[in-house]
Amino acid sequence: MLPKLDPLLHSELRLAVMSILAGVDEADFTYLKKQTGATSGNLSVQIDKLTTAGYITVEKGFKGKMPRTACRITPAGQEAFKNYVSALQEYLSASKEVK
């Protein structure tokens, strides 16, 4: 039986955010917006969902006089992302077996 995919990470935008954060120490909102092509409103909502789940942390502050929102993946987020990628690999392996 194939593993269940985490529905929180199965969203394209949330998966993109987690993929970016898994490879860096932190990323600010502007960078995430540029990399994902998301609107500010949609990205904000998805970041809130990931924060509520404990997958990322958000730190609001200033860089000079400009507001800055920095996001970091948490250990729980790293584990969830690792499990999601592993589950996808199992799906891909299963599809190769069918052929």
C-alpha atoms as a PDB file:
ATOM      1  CA  MET A   1       0.000   0.000   0.000  1.00  0.00           C
ATOM      2  CA  LEU A   2       1.318   3.428  -0.912  1.00  0.00           C
ATOM      3  CA  PRO A   3       1.907   5.971   1.871  1.00  0.00           C
ATOM      4  CA  LYS A   4      -0.504   8.835   2.361  1.00  0.00           C
ATOM      5  CA  LEU A   5       0.695  12.184   1.021  1.00  0.00           C
ATOM      6  CA  ASP A   6       0.624  15.075   3.494  1.00  0.00           C
ATOM      7  CA  PRO A   7      -2.311  17.189   2.226  1.00  0.00           C
ATOM      8  CA  LEU A   8      -0.694  20.346   3.580  1.00  0.00           C
ATOM      9  CA  LEU A   9       2.367  19.808   1.386  1.00  0.00           C
ATOM     10  CA  HIS A  10       0.370  18.560  -1.590  1.00  0.00           C
ATOM     11  CA  SER A  11      -0.499  22.147  -2.532  1.00  0.00           C
ATOM     12  CA  GLU A  12       1.701  23.462  -5.347  1.00  0.00           C
ATOM     13  CA  LEU A  13       2.535  26.765  -3.652  1.00  0.00           C
ATOM     14  CA  ARG A  14       3.109  25.319  -0.174  1.00  0.00           C
ATOM     15  CA  LEU A  15       5.323  22.613  -1.686  1.00  0.00           C
ATOM     16  CA  ALA A  16       7.286  25.280  -3.575  1.00  0.00           C
ATOM     17  CA  VAL A  17       7.804  27.302  -0.381  1.00  0.00           C
ATOM     18  CA  MET A  18       8.939  24.217   1.531  1.00  0.00           C
ATOM     19  CA  SER A  19      11.262  23.185  -1.307  1.00  0.00           C
ATOM     20  CA  ILE A  20      12.930  26.583  -1.255  1.00  0.00           C
ATOM     21  CA  LEU A  21      13.202  26.711   2.532  1.00  0.00           C
ATOM     22  CA  ALA A  22      14.623  23.173   2.712  1.00  0.00           C
ATOM     23  CA  GLY A  23      17.687  24.387   0.827  1.00  0.00           C
ATOM     24  CA  VAL A  24      18.436  27.669   2.624  1.00  0.00           C
ATOM     25  CA  ASP A  25      18.828  28.970   6.182  1.00  0.00           C
ATOM     26  CA  GLU A  26      16.042  31.487   5.614  1.00  0.00           C
ATOM     27  CA  ALA A  27      14.220  33.275   2.830  1.00  0.00           C
ATOM     28  CA  ASP A  28      12.364  36.539   2.950  1.00  0.00           C
ATOM     29  CA  PHE A  29       8.844  37.074   1.681  1.00  0.00           C
ATOM     30  CA  THR A  30       9.991  39.043  -1.365  1.00  0.00           C
ATOM     31  CA  TYR A  31      12.331  36.244  -2.450  1.00  0.00           C
ATOM     32  CA  LEU A  32       9.641  33.590  -1.977  1.00  0.00           C
ATOM     33  CA  LYS A  33       7.167  35.689  -3.933  1.00  0.00           C
ATOM     34  CA  LYS A  34       9.610  36.156  -6.802  1.00  0.00           C
ATOM     35  CA  GLN A  35      10.629  32.489  -6.928  1.00  0.00           C
ATOM     36  CA  THR A  36       7.077  31.123  -6.776  1.00  0.00           C
ATOM     37  CA  GLY A  37       5.345  33.761  -8.907  1.00  0.00           C
ATOM     38  CA  ALA A  38       2.597  33.918  -6.295  1.00  0.00           C
ATOM     39  CA  THR A  39       0.571  36.981  -5.406  1.00  0.00           C
ATOM     40  CA  SER A  40       1.301  38.600  -2.046  1.00  0.00           C
ATOM     41  CA  GLY A  41      -2.125  37.628  -0.703  1.00  0.00           C
ATOM     42  CA  ASN A  42      -1.935  33.974  -1.741  1.00  0.00           C
ATOM     43  CA  LEU A  43       1.639  33.584  -0.514  1.00  0.00           C
ATOM     44  CA  SER A  44       0.709  35.158   2.820  1.00  0.00           C
ATOM     45  CA  VAL A  45      -2.199  32.735   3.293  1.00  0.00           C
ATOM     46  CA  GLN A  46      -0.031  29.713   2.454  1.00  0.00           C
ATOM     47  CA  ILE A  47       2.761  30.874   4.772  1.00  0.00           C
ATOM     48  CA  ASP A  48       0.178  31.226   7.554  1.00  0.00           C
ATOM     49  CA  LYS A  49      -0.966  27.633   6.962  1.00  0.00           C
ATOM     50  CA  LEU A  50       2.611  26.326   7.090  1.00  0.00           C
ATOM     51  CA  THR A  51       3.270  28.365  10.238  1.00  0.00           C
ATOM     52  CA  THR A  52       0.111  27.083  11.939  1.00  0.00           C
ATOM     53  CA  ALA A  53       1.188  23.511  11.146  1.00  0.00           C
ATOM     54  CA  GLY A  54       4.581  24.196  12.742  1.00  0.00           C
ATOM     55  CA  TYR A  55       6.433  23.563   9.477  1.00  0.00           C
ATOM     56  CA  ILE A  56       7.974  27.038   9.263  1.00  0.00           C
ATOM     57  CA  THR A  57       8.627  30.018  11.494  1.00  0.00           C
ATOM     58  CA  VAL A  58       8.128  33.622  10.472  1.00  0.00           C
ATOM     59  CA  GLU A  59      10.084  36.522  11.877  1.00  0.00           C
ATOM     60  CA  LYS A  60       8.959  40.052  11.096  1.00  0.00           C
ATOM     61  CA  GLY A  61      11.380  42.913  11.408  1.00  0.00           C
ATOM     62  CA  PHE A  62      13.086  45.654   9.480  1.00  0.00           C
ATOM     63  CA  LYS A  63      16.056  45.815   7.151  1.00  0.00           C
ATOM     64  CA  GLY A  64      16.986  49.456   7.487  1.00  0.00           C
ATOM     65  CA  LYS A  65      13.644  51.226   7.245  1.00  0.00           C
ATOM     66  CA  MET A  66      12.028  48.553   5.068  1.00  0.00           C
ATOM     67  CA  PRO A  67       9.798  45.884   6.651  1.00  0.00           C
ATOM     68  CA  ARG A  68      11.128  42.348   6.230  1.00  0.00           C
ATOM     69  CA  THR A  69       9.450  38.991   6.770  1.00  0.00           C
ATOM     70  CA  ALA A  70      11.900  36.084   7.061  1.00  0.00           C
ATOM     71  CA  CYS A  71      10.788  32.442   6.890  1.00  0.00           C
ATOM     72  CA  ARG A  72      12.667  29.388   8.148  1.00  0.00           C
ATOM     73  CA  ILE A  73      11.841  25.706   7.993  1.00  0.00           C
ATOM     74  CA  THR A  74      11.481  24.034  11.407  1.00  0.00           C
ATOM     75  CA  PRO A  75      12.737  20.564  12.349  1.00  0.00           C
ATOM     76  CA  ALA A  76       9.107  19.359  12.108  1.00  0.00           C
ATOM     77  CA  GLY A  77       8.887  20.942   8.653  1.00  0.00           C
ATOM     78  CA  GLN A  78      12.127  19.288   7.579  1.00  0.00           C
ATOM     79  CA  GLU A  79      10.793  15.924   8.716  1.00  0.00           C
ATOM     80  CA  ALA A  80       7.426  16.447   6.995  1.00  0.00           C
ATOM     81  CA  PHE A  81       9.158  17.516   3.780  1.00  0.00           C
ATOM     82  CA  LYS A  82      11.526  14.532   3.911  1.00  0.00           C
ATOM     83  CA  ASN A  83       8.581  12.166   4.449  1.00  0.00           C
ATOM     84  CA  TYR A  84       6.645  13.776   1.594  1.00  0.00           C
ATOM     85  CA  VAL A  85       9.565  13.404  -0.820  1.00  0.00           C
ATOM     86  CA  SER A  86      10.056   9.798   0.308  1.00  0.00           C
ATOM     87  CA  ALA A  87       6.362   9.062  -0.263  1.00  0.00           C
ATOM     88  CA  LEU A  88       6.552  10.559  -3.756  1.00  0.00           C
ATOM     89  CA  GLN A  89       9.555   8.363  -4.505  1.00  0.00           C
ATOM     90  CA  GLU A  90       7.498   5.327  -3.491  1.00  0.00           C
ATOM     91  CA  TYR A  91       4.724   6.430  -5.848  1.00  0.00           C
ATOM     92  CA  LEU A  92       7.236   6.775  -8.676  1.00  0.00           C
ATOM     93  CA  SER A  93       8.766   3.380  -7.910  1.00  0.00           C
ATOM     94  CA  ALA A  94       5.327   1.787  -7.925  1.00  0.00           C
ATOM     95  CA  SER A  95       4.537   3.296 -11.306  1.00  0.00           C
ATOM     96  CA  LYS A  96       7.754   1.828 -12.764  1.00  0.00           C
ATOM     97  CA  GLU A  97       6.783  -1.621 -11.472  1.00  0.00           C
ATOM     98  CA  VAL A  98       3.441  -1.451 -13.304  1.00  0.00           C
ATOM     99  CA  LYS A  99       5.042  -0.876 -16.709  1.00  0.00           C
END
